[in-house]
Amino acid sequence: MAHLLTNHDKYHMHALLGLAVLLHFLFRWGMLLAYGDAFGNDGMLRFHVLMVLLHAALPLSALPLPIPRARNFSAPMIWQEFRLHSLAFAPRHVLSTISSLTFPSNRVVQLAIVHFCLGGLH
């Protein structure tokens, strides 16, 4: 745990965002298990969208942090290709979740996101 807080993340923004995202993830699972719906219909759409946006902010907050170019098989640490993978796939999930929250019955928007994420621009 001591290696999670480093001098490279001076204000620990990445660590704090990681904690917030993890707590949000656990909270949503708890809501799903307890009530059968992770978000509910409580009129707090802006709050829900803001919390989901934290999941896109997390990989962005890692950009200034120095990481190895290649994978280190002897130590469990992130490397450049893995970071790019996170940057590519986290926003896709965030967009899908936000579209489901804001347009719950509009499957066209959700299908368009899936289509473009699968390479629909080619």
PDB file of N, CA and C in Angstrom:
ATOM      1  N   MET A   1       0.808  -1.200   0.000  1.00  0.00           N
ATOM      2  CA  MET A   1       0.000   0.000   0.000  1.00  0.00           C
ATOM      3  C   MET A   1       0.851   1.264   0.000  1.00  0.00           C
ATOM      4  N   ALA A   2       2.017   1.194   0.571  1.00  0.00           N
ATOM      5  CA  ALA A   2       2.872   2.380   0.653  1.00  0.00           C
ATOM      6  C   ALA A   2       3.275   2.872  -0.725  1.00  0.00           C
ATOM      7  N   HIS A   3       3.322   1.993  -1.717  1.00  0.00           N
ATOM      8  CA  HIS A   3       3.744   2.391  -3.057  1.00  0.00           C
ATOM      9  C   HIS A   3       2.614   3.035  -3.863  1.00  0.00           C
ATOM     10  N   LEU A   4       1.399   3.045  -3.337  1.00  0.00           N
ATOM     11  CA  LEU A   4       0.297   3.673  -4.047  1.00  0.00           C
ATOM     12  C   LEU A   4       0.364   5.190  -3.968  1.00  0.00           C
ATOM     13  N   LEU A   5       0.931   5.721  -2.921  1.00  0.00           N
ATOM     14  CA  LEU A   5       1.107   7.159  -2.777  1.00  0.00           C
ATOM     15  C   LEU A   5       2.563   7.500  -3.047  1.00  0.00           C
ATOM     16  N   THR A   6       2.798   8.218  -4.158  1.00  0.00           N
ATOM     17  CA  THR A   6       4.172   8.524  -4.563  1.00  0.00           C
ATOM     18  C   THR A   6       4.361  10.034  -4.692  1.00  0.00           C
ATOM     19  N   ASN A   7       5.610  10.427  -4.865  1.00  0.00           N
ATOM     20  CA  ASN A   7       5.932  11.835  -5.086  1.00  0.00           C
ATOM     21  C   ASN A   7       5.514  12.298  -6.479  1.00  0.00           C
ATOM     22  N   HIS A   8       5.280  11.358  -7.390  1.00  0.00           N
ATOM     23  CA  HIS A   8       4.889  11.714  -8.753  1.00  0.00           C
ATOM     24  C   HIS A   8       3.473  12.280  -8.794  1.00  0.00           C
ATOM     25  N   ASP A   9       2.645  11.888  -7.860  1.00  0.00           N
ATOM     26  CA  ASP A   9       1.268  12.364  -7.751  1.00  0.00           C
ATOM     27  C   ASP A   9       1.223  13.288  -6.539  1.00  0.00           C
ATOM     28  N   LYS A  10       1.743  14.506  -6.728  1.00  0.00           N
ATOM     29  CA  LYS A  10       1.992  15.426  -5.624  1.00  0.00           C
ATOM     30  C   LYS A  10       0.789  15.627  -4.697  1.00  0.00           C
ATOM     31  N   TYR A  11      -0.386  15.817  -5.255  1.00  0.00           N
ATOM     32  CA  TYR A  11      -1.577  16.059  -4.442  1.00  0.00           C
ATOM     33  C   TYR A  11      -2.438  14.804  -4.297  1.00  0.00           C
ATOM     34  N   HIS A  12      -1.913  13.667  -4.738  1.00  0.00           N
ATOM     35  CA  HIS A  12      -2.578  12.368  -4.642  1.00  0.00           C
ATOM     36  C   HIS A  12      -3.932  12.354  -5.351  1.00  0.00           C
ATOM     37  N   MET A  13      -4.035  13.122  -6.433  1.00  0.00           N
ATOM     38  CA  MET A  13      -5.296  13.196  -7.171  1.00  0.00           C
ATOM     39  C   MET A  13      -5.664  11.847  -7.790  1.00  0.00           C
ATOM     40  N   HIS A  14      -4.685  11.159  -8.362  1.00  0.00           N
ATOM     41  CA  HIS A  14      -4.962   9.865  -8.974  1.00  0.00           C
ATOM     42  C   HIS A  14      -5.387   8.855  -7.907  1.00  0.00           C
ATOM     43  N   ALA A  15      -4.712   8.881  -6.790  1.00  0.00           N
ATOM     44  CA  ALA A  15      -5.063   7.958  -5.698  1.00  0.00           C
ATOM     45  C   ALA A  15      -6.455   8.265  -5.143  1.00  0.00           C
ATOM     46  N   LEU A  16      -6.779   9.537  -4.976  1.00  0.00           N
ATOM     47  CA  LEU A  16      -8.094   9.917  -4.458  1.00  0.00           C
ATOM     48  C   LEU A  16      -9.204   9.571  -5.455  1.00  0.00           C
ATOM     49  N   LEU A  17      -8.929   9.812  -6.746  1.00  0.00           N
ATOM     50  CA  LEU A  17      -9.912   9.436  -7.757  1.00  0.00           C
ATOM     51  C   LEU A  17     -10.104   7.918  -7.781  1.00  0.00           C
ATOM     52  N   GLY A  18      -9.003   7.184  -7.649  1.00  0.00           N
ATOM     53  CA  GLY A  18      -9.090   5.727  -7.615  1.00  0.00           C
ATOM     54  C   GLY A  18      -9.936   5.251  -6.446  1.00  0.00           C
ATOM     55  N   LEU A  19      -9.760   5.857  -5.294  1.00  0.00           N
ATOM     56  CA  LEU A  19     -10.556   5.505  -4.121  1.00  0.00           C
ATOM     57  C   LEU A  19     -12.031   5.848  -4.345  1.00  0.00           C
ATOM     58  N   ALA A  20     -12.287   7.034  -4.917  1.00  0.00           N
ATOM     59  CA  ALA A  20     -13.668   7.449  -5.179  1.00  0.00           C
ATOM     60  C   ALA A  20     -14.345   6.499  -6.174  1.00  0.00           C
ATOM     61  N   VAL A  21     -13.620   6.109  -7.214  1.00  0.00           N
ATOM     62  CA  VAL A  21     -14.175   5.198  -8.218  1.00  0.00           C
ATOM     63  C   VAL A  21     -14.448   3.833  -7.598  1.00  0.00           C
ATOM     64  N   LEU A  22     -13.535   3.354  -6.795  1.00  0.00           N
ATOM     65  CA  LEU A  22     -13.729   2.058  -6.143  1.00  0.00           C
ATOM     66  C   LEU A  22     -14.942   2.092  -5.208  1.00  0.00           C
ATOM     67  N   LEU A  23     -15.065   3.150  -4.415  1.00  0.00           N
ATOM     68  CA  LEU A  23     -16.216   3.276  -3.516  1.00  0.00           C
ATOM     69  C   LEU A  23     -17.524   3.399  -4.302  1.00  0.00           C
ATOM     70  N   HIS A  24     -17.473   4.143  -5.413  1.00  0.00           N
ATOM     71  CA  HIS A  24     -18.663   4.276  -6.250  1.00  0.00           C
ATOM     72  C   HIS A  24     -19.069   2.929  -6.834  1.00  0.00           C
ATOM     73  N   PHE A  25     -18.097   2.172  -7.292  1.00  0.00           N
ATOM     74  CA  PHE A  25     -18.348   0.839  -7.838  1.00  0.00           C
ATOM     75  C   PHE A  25     -18.999  -0.060  -6.789  1.00  0.00           C
ATOM     76  N   LEU A  26     -18.450  -0.065  -5.585  1.00  0.00           N
ATOM     77  CA  LEU A  26     -19.005  -0.885  -4.510  1.00  0.00           C
ATOM     78  C   LEU A  26     -20.410  -0.419  -4.111  1.00  0.00           C
ATOM     79  N   PHE A  27     -20.608   0.886  -4.088  1.00  0.00           N
ATOM     80  CA  PHE A  27     -21.928   1.433  -3.761  1.00  0.00           C
ATOM     81  C   PHE A  27     -22.969   0.996  -4.786  1.00  0.00           C
ATOM     82  N   ARG A  28     -22.611   1.086  -6.068  1.00  0.00           N
ATOM     83  CA  ARG A  28     -23.566   0.690  -7.117  1.00  0.00           C
ATOM     84  C   ARG A  28     -23.893  -0.798  -7.038  1.00  0.00           C
ATOM     85  N   TRP A  29     -22.892  -1.635  -6.748  1.00  0.00           N
ATOM     86  CA  TRP A  29     -23.161  -3.064  -6.579  1.00  0.00           C
ATOM     87  C   TRP A  29     -24.079  -3.303  -5.382  1.00  0.00           C
ATOM     88  N   GLY A  30     -23.847  -2.564  -4.308  1.00  0.00           N
ATOM     89  CA  GLY A  30     -24.717  -2.677  -3.141  1.00  0.00           C
ATOM     90  C   GLY A  30     -26.144  -2.288  -3.475  1.00  0.00           C
ATOM     91  N   MET A  31     -26.320  -1.209  -4.236  1.00  0.00           N
ATOM     92  CA  MET A  31     -27.657  -0.778  -4.665  1.00  0.00           C
ATOM     93  C   MET A  31     -28.316  -1.847  -5.532  1.00  0.00           C
ATOM     94  N   LEU A  32     -27.536  -2.415  -6.438  1.00  0.00           N
ATOM     95  CA  LEU A  32     -28.072  -3.444  -7.330  1.00  0.00           C
ATOM     96  C   LEU A  32     -28.528  -4.674  -6.543  1.00  0.00           C
ATOM     97  N   LEU A  33     -27.705  -5.103  -5.603  1.00  0.00           N
ATOM     98  CA  LEU A  33     -28.055  -6.287  -4.815  1.00  0.00           C
ATOM     99  C   LEU A  33     -29.222  -6.032  -3.862  1.00  0.00           C
ATOM    100  N   ALA A  34     -29.263  -4.836  -3.293  1.00  0.00           N
ATOM    101  CA  ALA A  34     -30.304  -4.530  -2.312  1.00  0.00           C
ATOM    102  C   ALA A  34     -31.644  -4.185  -2.958  1.00  0.00           C
ATOM    103  N   TYR A  35     -31.611  -3.435  -4.074  1.00  0.00           N
ATOM    104  CA  TYR A  35     -32.849  -2.913  -4.652  1.00  0.00           C
ATOM    105  C   TYR A  35     -33.129  -3.386  -6.068  1.00  0.00           C
ATOM    106  N   GLY A  36     -32.197  -4.111  -6.660  1.00  0.00           N
ATOM    107  CA  GLY A  36     -32.403  -4.594  -8.026  1.00  0.00           C
ATOM    108  C   GLY A  36     -32.125  -3.560  -9.097  1.00  0.00           C
ATOM    109  N   ASP A  37     -31.625  -2.395  -8.718  1.00  0.00           N
ATOM    110  CA  ASP A  37     -31.317  -1.325  -9.665  1.00  0.00           C
ATOM    111  C   ASP A  37     -30.124  -0.541  -9.124  1.00  0.00           C
ATOM    112  N   ALA A  38     -29.084  -0.432  -9.918  1.00  0.00           N
ATOM    113  CA  ALA A  38     -27.864   0.228  -9.454  1.00  0.00           C
ATOM    114  C   ALA A  38     -28.033   1.734  -9.305  1.00  0.00           C
ATOM    115  N   PHE A  39     -28.940   2.342 -10.080  1.00  0.00           N
ATOM    116  CA  PHE A  39     -29.083   3.789 -10.042  1.00  0.00           C
ATOM    117  C   PHE A  39     -30.420   4.250  -9.480  1.00  0.00           C
ATOM    118  N   GLY A  40     -31.452   3.477  -9.667  1.00  0.00           N
ATOM    119  CA  GLY A  40     -32.754   3.858  -9.142  1.00  0.00           C
ATOM    120  C   GLY A  40     -33.360   5.021  -9.903  1.00  0.00           C
ATOM    121  N   ASN A  41     -34.529   5.393  -9.499  1.00  0.00           N
ATOM    122  CA  ASN A  41     -35.246   6.500 -10.126  1.00  0.00           C
ATOM    123  C   ASN A  41     -35.508   7.551  -9.061  1.00  0.00           C
ATOM    124  N   ASP A  42     -34.427   8.151  -8.587  1.00  0.00           N
ATOM    125  CA  ASP A  42     -34.542   9.060  -7.448  1.00  0.00           C
ATOM    126  C   ASP A  42     -34.421  10.535  -7.818  1.00  0.00           C
ATOM    127  N   GLY A  43     -34.404  10.865  -9.109  1.00  0.00           N
ATOM    128  CA  GLY A  43     -34.331  12.258  -9.526  1.00  0.00           C
ATOM    129  C   GLY A  43     -32.966  12.894  -9.352  1.00  0.00           C
ATOM    130  N   MET A  44     -31.945  12.092  -9.172  1.00  0.00           N
ATOM    131  CA  MET A  44     -30.592  12.629  -8.969  1.00  0.00           C
ATOM    132  C   MET A  44     -29.713  12.360 -10.188  1.00  0.00           C
ATOM    133  N   LEU A  45     -30.241  12.601 -11.379  1.00  0.00           N
ATOM    134  CA  LEU A  45     -29.539  12.290 -12.620  1.00  0.00           C
ATOM    135  C   LEU A  45     -28.180  12.988 -12.704  1.00  0.00           C
ATOM    136  N   ARG A  46     -28.131  14.269 -12.386  1.00  0.00           N
ATOM    137  CA  ARG A  46     -26.855  15.008 -12.469  1.00  0.00           C
ATOM    138  C   ARG A  46     -25.794  14.403 -11.555  1.00  0.00           C
ATOM    139  N   PHE A  47     -26.194  14.025 -10.363  1.00  0.00           N
ATOM    140  CA  PHE A  47     -25.258  13.402  -9.426  1.00  0.00           C
ATOM    141  C   PHE A  47     -24.760  12.078  -9.981  1.00  0.00           C
ATOM    142  N   HIS A  48     -25.671  11.266 -10.513  1.00  0.00           N
ATOM    143  CA  HIS A  48     -25.287   9.968 -11.068  1.00  0.00           C
ATOM    144  C   HIS A  48     -24.317  10.143 -12.236  1.00  0.00           C
ATOM    145  N   VAL A  49     -24.597  11.102 -13.110  1.00  0.00           N
ATOM    146  CA  VAL A  49     -23.719  11.354 -14.259  1.00  0.00           C
ATOM    147  C   VAL A  49     -22.350  11.828 -13.780  1.00  0.00           C
ATOM    148  N   LEU A  50     -22.319  12.712 -12.804  1.00  0.00           N
ATOM    149  CA  LEU A  50     -21.049  13.195 -12.258  1.00  0.00           C
ATOM    150  C   LEU A  50     -20.227  12.049 -11.671  1.00  0.00           C
ATOM    151  N   MET A  51     -20.879  11.176 -10.936  1.00  0.00           N
ATOM    152  CA  MET A  51     -20.164  10.042 -10.348  1.00  0.00           C
ATOM    153  C   MET A  51     -19.628   9.104 -11.420  1.00  0.00           C
ATOM    154  N   VAL A  52     -20.378   8.901 -12.484  1.00  0.00           N
ATOM    155  CA  VAL A  52     -19.914   8.048 -13.581  1.00  0.00           C
ATOM    156  C   VAL A  52     -18.748   8.708 -14.311  1.00  0.00           C
ATOM    157  N   LEU A  53     -18.762  10.032 -14.431  1.00  0.00           N
ATOM    158  CA  LEU A  53     -17.663  10.743 -15.081  1.00  0.00           C
ATOM    159  C   LEU A  53     -16.335  10.572 -14.335  1.00  0.00           C
ATOM    160  N   LEU A  54     -16.399  10.290 -13.040  1.00  0.00           N
ATOM    161  CA  LEU A  54     -15.168  10.018 -12.290  1.00  0.00           C
ATOM    162  C   LEU A  54     -14.422   8.825 -12.897  1.00  0.00           C
ATOM    163  N   HIS A  55     -15.167   7.881 -13.461  1.00  0.00           N
ATOM    164  CA  HIS A  55     -14.546   6.694 -14.057  1.00  0.00           C
ATOM    165  C   HIS A  55     -13.768   7.048 -15.322  1.00  0.00           C
ATOM    166  N   ALA A  56     -14.129   8.132 -15.997  1.00  0.00           N
ATOM    167  CA  ALA A  56     -13.365   8.614 -17.153  1.00  0.00           C
ATOM    168  C   ALA A  56     -12.191   9.471 -16.693  1.00  0.00           C
ATOM    169  N   ALA A  57     -12.365  10.166 -15.581  1.00  0.00           N
ATOM    170  CA  ALA A  57     -11.304  11.031 -15.069  1.00  0.00           C
ATOM    171  C   ALA A  57     -10.124  10.233 -14.514  1.00  0.00           C
ATOM    172  N   LEU A  58     -10.392   9.037 -14.010  1.00  0.00           N
ATOM    173  CA  LEU A  58      -9.317   8.244 -13.403  1.00  0.00           C
ATOM    174  C   LEU A  58      -8.181   7.939 -14.377  1.00  0.00           C
ATOM    175  N   PRO A  59      -8.430   7.359 -15.553  1.00  0.00           N
ATOM    176  CA  PRO A  59      -7.294   7.115 -16.451  1.00  0.00           C
ATOM    177  C   PRO A  59      -6.655   8.407 -16.964  1.00  0.00           C
ATOM    178  N   LEU A  60      -7.434   9.479 -17.065  1.00  0.00           N
ATOM    179  CA  LEU A  60      -6.856  10.760 -17.479  1.00  0.00           C
ATOM    180  C   LEU A  60      -5.904  11.305 -16.414  1.00  0.00           C
ATOM    181  N   SER A  61      -6.226  11.078 -15.162  1.00  0.00           N
ATOM    182  CA  SER A  61      -5.370  11.575 -14.082  1.00  0.00           C
ATOM    183  C   SER A  61      -4.042  10.823 -14.013  1.00  0.00           C
ATOM    184  N   ALA A  62      -3.959   9.686 -14.682  1.00  0.00           N
ATOM    185  CA  ALA A  62      -2.714   8.911 -14.687  1.00  0.00           C
ATOM    186  C   ALA A  62      -1.741   9.374 -15.757  1.00  0.00           C
ATOM    187  N   LEU A  63      -2.186  10.202 -16.682  1.00  0.00           N
ATOM    188  CA  LEU A  63      -1.317  10.616 -17.789  1.00  0.00           C
ATOM    189  C   LEU A  63      -0.001  11.269 -17.353  1.00  0.00           C
ATOM    190  N   PRO A  64       0.000  12.149 -16.358  1.00  0.00           N
ATOM    191  CA  PRO A  64       1.281  12.767 -15.975  1.00  0.00           C
ATOM    192  C   PRO A  64       2.231  11.833 -15.217  1.00  0.00           C
ATOM    193  N   LEU A  65       1.746  10.702 -14.771  1.00  0.00           N
ATOM    194  CA  LEU A  65       2.573   9.810 -13.964  1.00  0.00           C
ATOM    195  C   LEU A  65       3.544   9.025 -14.847  1.00  0.00           C
ATOM    196  N   PRO A  66       4.821   8.961 -14.445  1.00  0.00           N
ATOM    197  CA  PRO A  66       5.786   8.197 -15.241  1.00  0.00           C
ATOM    198  C   PRO A  66       5.573   6.692 -15.077  1.00  0.00           C
ATOM    199  N   ILE A  67       5.605   5.979 -16.198  1.00  0.00           N
ATOM    200  CA  ILE A  67       5.445   4.525 -16.176  1.00  0.00           C
ATOM    201  C   ILE A  67       6.427   3.902 -17.168  1.00  0.00           C
ATOM    202  N   PRO A  68       6.741   2.630 -16.996  1.00  0.00           N
ATOM    203  CA  PRO A  68       7.665   1.969 -17.924  1.00  0.00           C
ATOM    204  C   PRO A  68       7.059   1.850 -19.326  1.00  0.00           C
ATOM    205  N   ARG A  69       7.950   1.830 -20.344  1.00  0.00           N
ATOM    206  CA  ARG A  69       7.501   1.663 -21.726  1.00  0.00           C
ATOM    207  C   ARG A  69       6.997   0.249 -21.976  1.00  0.00           C
ATOM    208  N   ALA A  70       7.682  -0.716 -21.421  1.00  0.00           N
ATOM    209  CA  ALA A  70       7.349  -2.118 -21.659  1.00  0.00           C
ATOM    210  C   ALA A  70       6.869  -2.768 -20.366  1.00  0.00           C
ATOM    211  N   ARG A  71       6.190  -3.882 -20.520  1.00  0.00           N
ATOM    212  CA  ARG A  71       5.673  -4.622 -19.378  1.00  0.00           C
ATOM    213  C   ARG A  71       6.812  -5.230 -18.564  1.00  0.00           C
ATOM    214  N   ASN A  72       6.686  -5.127 -17.253  1.00  0.00           N
ATOM    215  CA  ASN A  72       7.660  -5.712 -16.341  1.00  0.00           C
ATOM    216  C   ASN A  72       7.016  -6.969 -15.746  1.00  0.00           C
ATOM    217  N   PHE A  73       7.479  -8.124 -16.169  1.00  0.00           N
ATOM    218  CA  PHE A  73       6.866  -9.374 -15.734  1.00  0.00           C
ATOM    219  C   PHE A  73       7.216  -9.737 -14.289  1.00  0.00           C
ATOM    220  N   SER A  74       8.225  -9.078 -13.716  1.00  0.00           N
ATOM    221  CA  SER A  74       8.620  -9.408 -12.349  1.00  0.00           C
ATOM    222  C   SER A  74       7.954  -8.516 -11.300  1.00  0.00           C
ATOM    223  N   ALA A  75       7.216  -7.497 -11.740  1.00  0.00           N
ATOM    224  CA  ALA A  75       6.553  -6.593 -10.795  1.00  0.00           C
ATOM    225  C   ALA A  75       5.169  -6.224 -11.336  1.00  0.00           C
ATOM    226  N   PRO A  76       4.171  -6.197 -10.479  1.00  0.00           N
ATOM    227  CA  PRO A  76       2.813  -5.859 -10.935  1.00  0.00           C
ATOM    228  C   PRO A  76       2.638  -4.353 -11.084  1.00  0.00           C
ATOM    229  N   MET A  77       2.959  -3.830 -12.238  1.00  0.00           N
ATOM    230  CA  MET A  77       2.794  -2.408 -12.466  1.00  0.00           C
ATOM    231  C   MET A  77       2.275  -2.151 -13.868  1.00  0.00           C
ATOM    232  N   ILE A  78       1.666  -1.012 -14.029  1.00  0.00           N
ATOM    233  CA  ILE A  78       1.103  -0.633 -15.312  1.00  0.00           C
ATOM    234  C   ILE A  78       2.224  -0.211 -16.263  1.00  0.00           C
ATOM    235  N   TRP A  79       2.002  -0.354 -17.548  1.00  0.00           N
ATOM    236  CA  TRP A  79       2.956   0.088 -18.555  1.00  0.00           C
ATOM    237  C   TRP A  79       2.182   0.861 -19.614  1.00  0.00           C
ATOM    238  N   GLN A  80       2.900   1.472 -20.582  1.00  0.00           N
ATOM    239  CA  GLN A  80       2.264   2.407 -21.505  1.00  0.00           C
ATOM    240  C   GLN A  80       1.105   1.803 -22.294  1.00  0.00           C
ATOM    241  N   GLU A  81       1.270   0.601 -22.809  1.00  0.00           N
ATOM    242  CA  GLU A  81       0.194  -0.007 -23.592  1.00  0.00           C
ATOM    243  C   GLU A  81      -1.053  -0.223 -22.742  1.00  0.00           C
ATOM    244  N   PHE A  82      -0.865  -0.640 -21.512  1.00  0.00           N
ATOM    245  CA  PHE A  82      -1.998  -0.873 -20.612  1.00  0.00           C
ATOM    246  C   PHE A  82      -2.705   0.449 -20.294  1.00  0.00           C
ATOM    247  N   ARG A  83      -1.920   1.516 -20.108  1.00  0.00           N
ATOM    248  CA  ARG A  83      -2.525   2.823 -19.822  1.00  0.00           C
ATOM    249  C   ARG A  83      -3.351   3.292 -21.019  1.00  0.00           C
ATOM    250  N   LEU A  84      -2.833   3.095 -22.229  1.00  0.00           N
ATOM    251  CA  LEU A  84      -3.590   3.465 -23.427  1.00  0.00           C
ATOM    252  C   LEU A  84      -4.865   2.638 -23.550  1.00  0.00           C
ATOM    253  N   HIS A  85      -4.788   1.383 -23.164  1.00  0.00           N
ATOM    254  CA  HIS A  85      -5.963   0.527 -23.162  1.00  0.00           C
ATOM    255  C   HIS A  85      -7.027   1.088 -22.223  1.00  0.00           C
ATOM    256  N   SER A  86      -6.621   1.514 -21.049  1.00  0.00           N
ATOM    257  CA  SER A  86      -7.559   2.110 -20.091  1.00  0.00           C
ATOM    258  C   SER A  86      -8.167   3.393 -20.635  1.00  0.00           C
ATOM    259  N   LEU A  87      -7.345   4.200 -21.299  1.00  0.00           N
ATOM    260  CA  LEU A  87      -7.841   5.449 -21.875  1.00  0.00           C
ATOM    261  C   LEU A  87      -8.831   5.197 -23.005  1.00  0.00           C
ATOM    262  N   ALA A  88      -8.676   4.093 -23.702  1.00  0.00           N
ATOM    263  CA  ALA A  88      -9.580   3.787 -24.810  1.00  0.00           C
ATOM    264  C   ALA A  88     -10.900   3.189 -24.331  1.00  0.00           C
ATOM    265  N   PHE A  89     -10.848   2.345 -23.311  1.00  0.00           N
ATOM    266  CA  PHE A  89     -12.040   1.600 -22.937  1.00  0.00           C
ATOM    267  C   PHE A  89     -12.847   2.208 -21.795  1.00  0.00           C
ATOM    268  N   ALA A  90     -12.247   2.964 -20.918  1.00  0.00           N
ATOM    269  CA  ALA A  90     -13.023   3.592 -19.827  1.00  0.00           C
ATOM    270  C   ALA A  90     -14.050   4.583 -20.368  1.00  0.00           C
ATOM    271  N   PRO A  91     -13.681   5.466 -21.290  1.00  0.00           N
ATOM    272  CA  PRO A  91     -14.695   6.410 -21.800  1.00  0.00           C
ATOM    273  C   PRO A  91     -15.846   5.717 -22.533  1.00  0.00           C
ATOM    274  N   ARG A  92     -15.581   4.592 -23.160  1.00  0.00           N
ATOM    275  CA  ARG A  92     -16.637   3.858 -23.850  1.00  0.00           C
ATOM    276  C   ARG A  92     -17.701   3.412 -22.844  1.00  0.00           C
ATOM    277  N   HIS A  93     -17.259   2.876 -21.732  1.00  0.00           N
ATOM    278  CA  HIS A  93     -18.198   2.445 -20.699  1.00  0.00           C
ATOM    279  C   HIS A  93     -18.937   3.643 -20.100  1.00  0.00           C
ATOM    280  N   VAL A  94     -18.211   4.717 -19.890  1.00  0.00           N
ATOM    281  CA  VAL A  94     -18.813   5.918 -19.310  1.00  0.00           C
ATOM    282  C   VAL A  94     -19.901   6.458 -20.237  1.00  0.00           C
ATOM    283  N   LEU A  95     -19.606   6.549 -21.543  1.00  0.00           N
ATOM    284  CA  LEU A  95     -20.607   7.020 -22.501  1.00  0.00           C
ATOM    285  C   LEU A  95     -21.841   6.125 -22.519  1.00  0.00           C
ATOM    286  N   SER A  96     -21.618   4.830 -22.494  1.00  0.00           N
ATOM    287  CA  SER A  96     -22.740   3.891 -22.496  1.00  0.00           C
ATOM    288  C   SER A  96     -23.598   4.051 -21.252  1.00  0.00           C
ATOM    289  N   THR A  97     -22.970   4.191 -20.110  1.00  0.00           N
ATOM    290  CA  THR A  97     -23.720   4.336 -18.860  1.00  0.00           C
ATOM    291  C   THR A  97     -24.492   5.650 -18.838  1.00  0.00           C
ATOM    292  N   ILE A  98     -23.839   6.728 -19.256  1.00  0.00           N
ATOM    293  CA  ILE A  98     -24.518   8.034 -19.260  1.00  0.00           C
ATOM    294  C   ILE A  98     -25.676   8.037 -20.251  1.00  0.00           C
ATOM    295  N   SER A  99     -25.492   7.403 -21.413  1.00  0.00           N
ATOM    296  CA  SER A  99     -26.599   7.357 -22.376  1.00  0.00           C
ATOM    297  C   SER A  99     -27.759   6.540 -21.817  1.00  0.00           C
ATOM    298  N   SER A 100     -27.455   5.474 -21.082  1.00  0.00           N
ATOM    299  CA  SER A 100     -28.520   4.675 -20.465  1.00  0.00           C
ATOM    300  C   SER A 100     -29.257   5.457 -19.385  1.00  0.00           C
ATOM    301  N   LEU A 101     -28.534   6.323 -18.688  1.00  0.00           N
ATOM    302  CA  LEU A 101     -29.167   7.135 -17.644  1.00  0.00           C
ATOM    303  C   LEU A 101     -29.996   8.268 -18.229  1.00  0.00           C
ATOM    304  N   THR A 102     -29.490   8.916 -19.278  1.00  0.00           N
ATOM    305  CA  THR A 102     -30.169  10.090 -19.828  1.00  0.00           C
ATOM    306  C   THR A 102     -31.222   9.738 -20.872  1.00  0.00           C
ATOM    307  N   PHE A 103     -31.007   8.642 -21.604  1.00  0.00           N
ATOM    308  CA  PHE A 103     -31.963   8.193 -22.621  1.00  0.00           C
ATOM    309  C   PHE A 103     -32.319   6.733 -22.375  1.00  0.00           C
ATOM    310  N   PRO A 104     -32.975   6.419 -21.264  1.00  0.00           N
ATOM    311  CA  PRO A 104     -33.176   5.016 -20.895  1.00  0.00           C
ATOM    312  C   PRO A 104     -33.971   4.199 -21.905  1.00  0.00           C
ATOM    313  N   SER A 105     -34.857   4.822 -22.650  1.00  0.00           N
ATOM    314  CA  SER A 105     -35.664   4.044 -23.591  1.00  0.00           C
ATOM    315  C   SER A 105     -35.204   4.216 -25.038  1.00  0.00           C
ATOM    316  N   ASN A 106     -34.157   4.985 -25.271  1.00  0.00           N
ATOM    317  CA  ASN A 106     -33.681   5.223 -26.628  1.00  0.00           C
ATOM    318  C   ASN A 106     -32.538   4.273 -26.949  1.00  0.00           C
ATOM    319  N   ARG A 107     -32.869   3.143 -27.489  1.00  0.00           N
ATOM    320  CA  ARG A 107     -31.865   2.133 -27.823  1.00  0.00           C
ATOM    321  C   ARG A 107     -31.009   2.548 -29.016  1.00  0.00           C
ATOM    322  N   VAL A 108     -31.459   3.502 -29.817  1.00  0.00           N
ATOM    323  CA  VAL A 108     -30.686   3.947 -30.979  1.00  0.00           C
ATOM    324  C   VAL A 108     -29.383   4.599 -30.531  1.00  0.00           C
ATOM    325  N   VAL A 109     -29.451   5.437 -29.507  1.00  0.00           N
ATOM    326  CA  VAL A 109     -28.248   6.087 -28.977  1.00  0.00           C
ATOM    327  C   VAL A 109     -27.280   5.033 -28.438  1.00  0.00           C
ATOM    328  N   GLN A 110     -27.797   4.092 -27.692  1.00  0.00           N
ATOM    329  CA  GLN A 110     -26.947   3.058 -27.107  1.00  0.00           C
ATOM    330  C   GLN A 110     -26.337   2.170 -28.193  1.00  0.00           C
ATOM    331  N   LEU A 111     -27.116   1.806 -29.203  1.00  0.00           N
ATOM    332  CA  LEU A 111     -26.588   0.991 -30.297  1.00  0.00           C
ATOM    333  C   LEU A 111     -25.547   1.757 -31.106  1.00  0.00           C
ATOM    334  N   ALA A 112     -25.731   3.068 -31.251  1.00  0.00           N
ATOM    335  CA  ALA A 112     -24.742   3.885 -31.977  1.00  0.00           C
ATOM    336  C   ALA A 112     -23.410   3.885 -31.238  1.00  0.00           C
ATOM    337  N   ILE A 113     -23.446   3.996 -29.930  1.00  0.00           N
ATOM    338  CA  ILE A 113     -22.202   3.956 -29.150  1.00  0.00           C
ATOM    339  C   ILE A 113     -21.511   2.623 -29.347  1.00  0.00           C
ATOM    340  N   VAL A 114     -22.257   1.535 -29.239  1.00  0.00           N
ATOM    341  CA  VAL A 114     -21.675   0.203 -29.447  1.00  0.00           C
ATOM    342  C   VAL A 114     -21.089   0.092 -30.855  1.00  0.00           C
ATOM    343  N   HIS A 115     -21.835   0.552 -31.849  1.00  0.00           N
ATOM    344  CA  HIS A 115     -21.377   0.467 -33.234  1.00  0.00           C
ATOM    345  C   HIS A 115     -20.062   1.215 -33.440  1.00  0.00           C
ATOM    346  N   PHE A 116     -19.989   2.447 -32.951  1.00  0.00           N
ATOM    347  CA  PHE A 116     -18.774   3.241 -33.145  1.00  0.00           C
ATOM    348  C   PHE A 116     -17.599   2.706 -32.325  1.00  0.00           C
ATOM    349  N   CYS A 117     -17.879   2.137 -31.177  1.00  0.00           N
ATOM    350  CA  CYS A 117     -16.811   1.565 -30.363  1.00  0.00           C
ATOM    351  C   CYS A 117     -16.257   0.285 -30.980  1.00  0.00           C
ATOM    352  N   LEU A 118     -17.050  -0.387 -31.770  1.00  0.00           N
ATOM    353  CA  LEU A 118     -16.586  -1.613 -32.430  1.00  0.00           C
ATOM    354  C   LEU A 118     -15.931  -1.316 -33.772  1.00  0.00           C
ATOM    355  N   GLY A 119     -15.676  -0.059 -34.062  1.00  0.00           N
ATOM    356  CA  GLY A 119     -14.974   0.286 -35.296  1.00  0.00           C
ATOM    357  C   GLY A 119     -15.912   0.715 -36.403  1.00  0.00           C
ATOM    358  N   GLY A 120     -17.040   1.251 -36.047  1.00  0.00           N
ATOM    359  CA  GLY A 120     -18.028   1.661 -37.035  1.00  0.00           C
ATOM    360  C   GLY A 120     -17.614   2.828 -37.906  1.00  0.00           C
ATOM    361  N   LEU A 121     -16.504   3.473 -37.596  1.00  0.00           N
ATOM    362  CA  LEU A 121     -16.049   4.599 -38.403  1.00  0.00           C
ATOM    363  C   LEU A 121     -15.215   4.170 -39.598  1.00  0.00           C
ATOM    364  N   HIS A 122     -14.892   2.910 -39.714  1.00  0.00           N
ATOM    365  CA  HIS A 122     -14.046   2.441 -40.817  1.00  0.00           C
ATOM    366  C   HIS A 122     -14.790   2.428 -42.113  1.00  0.00           C
TER     367      HIS A 122
END
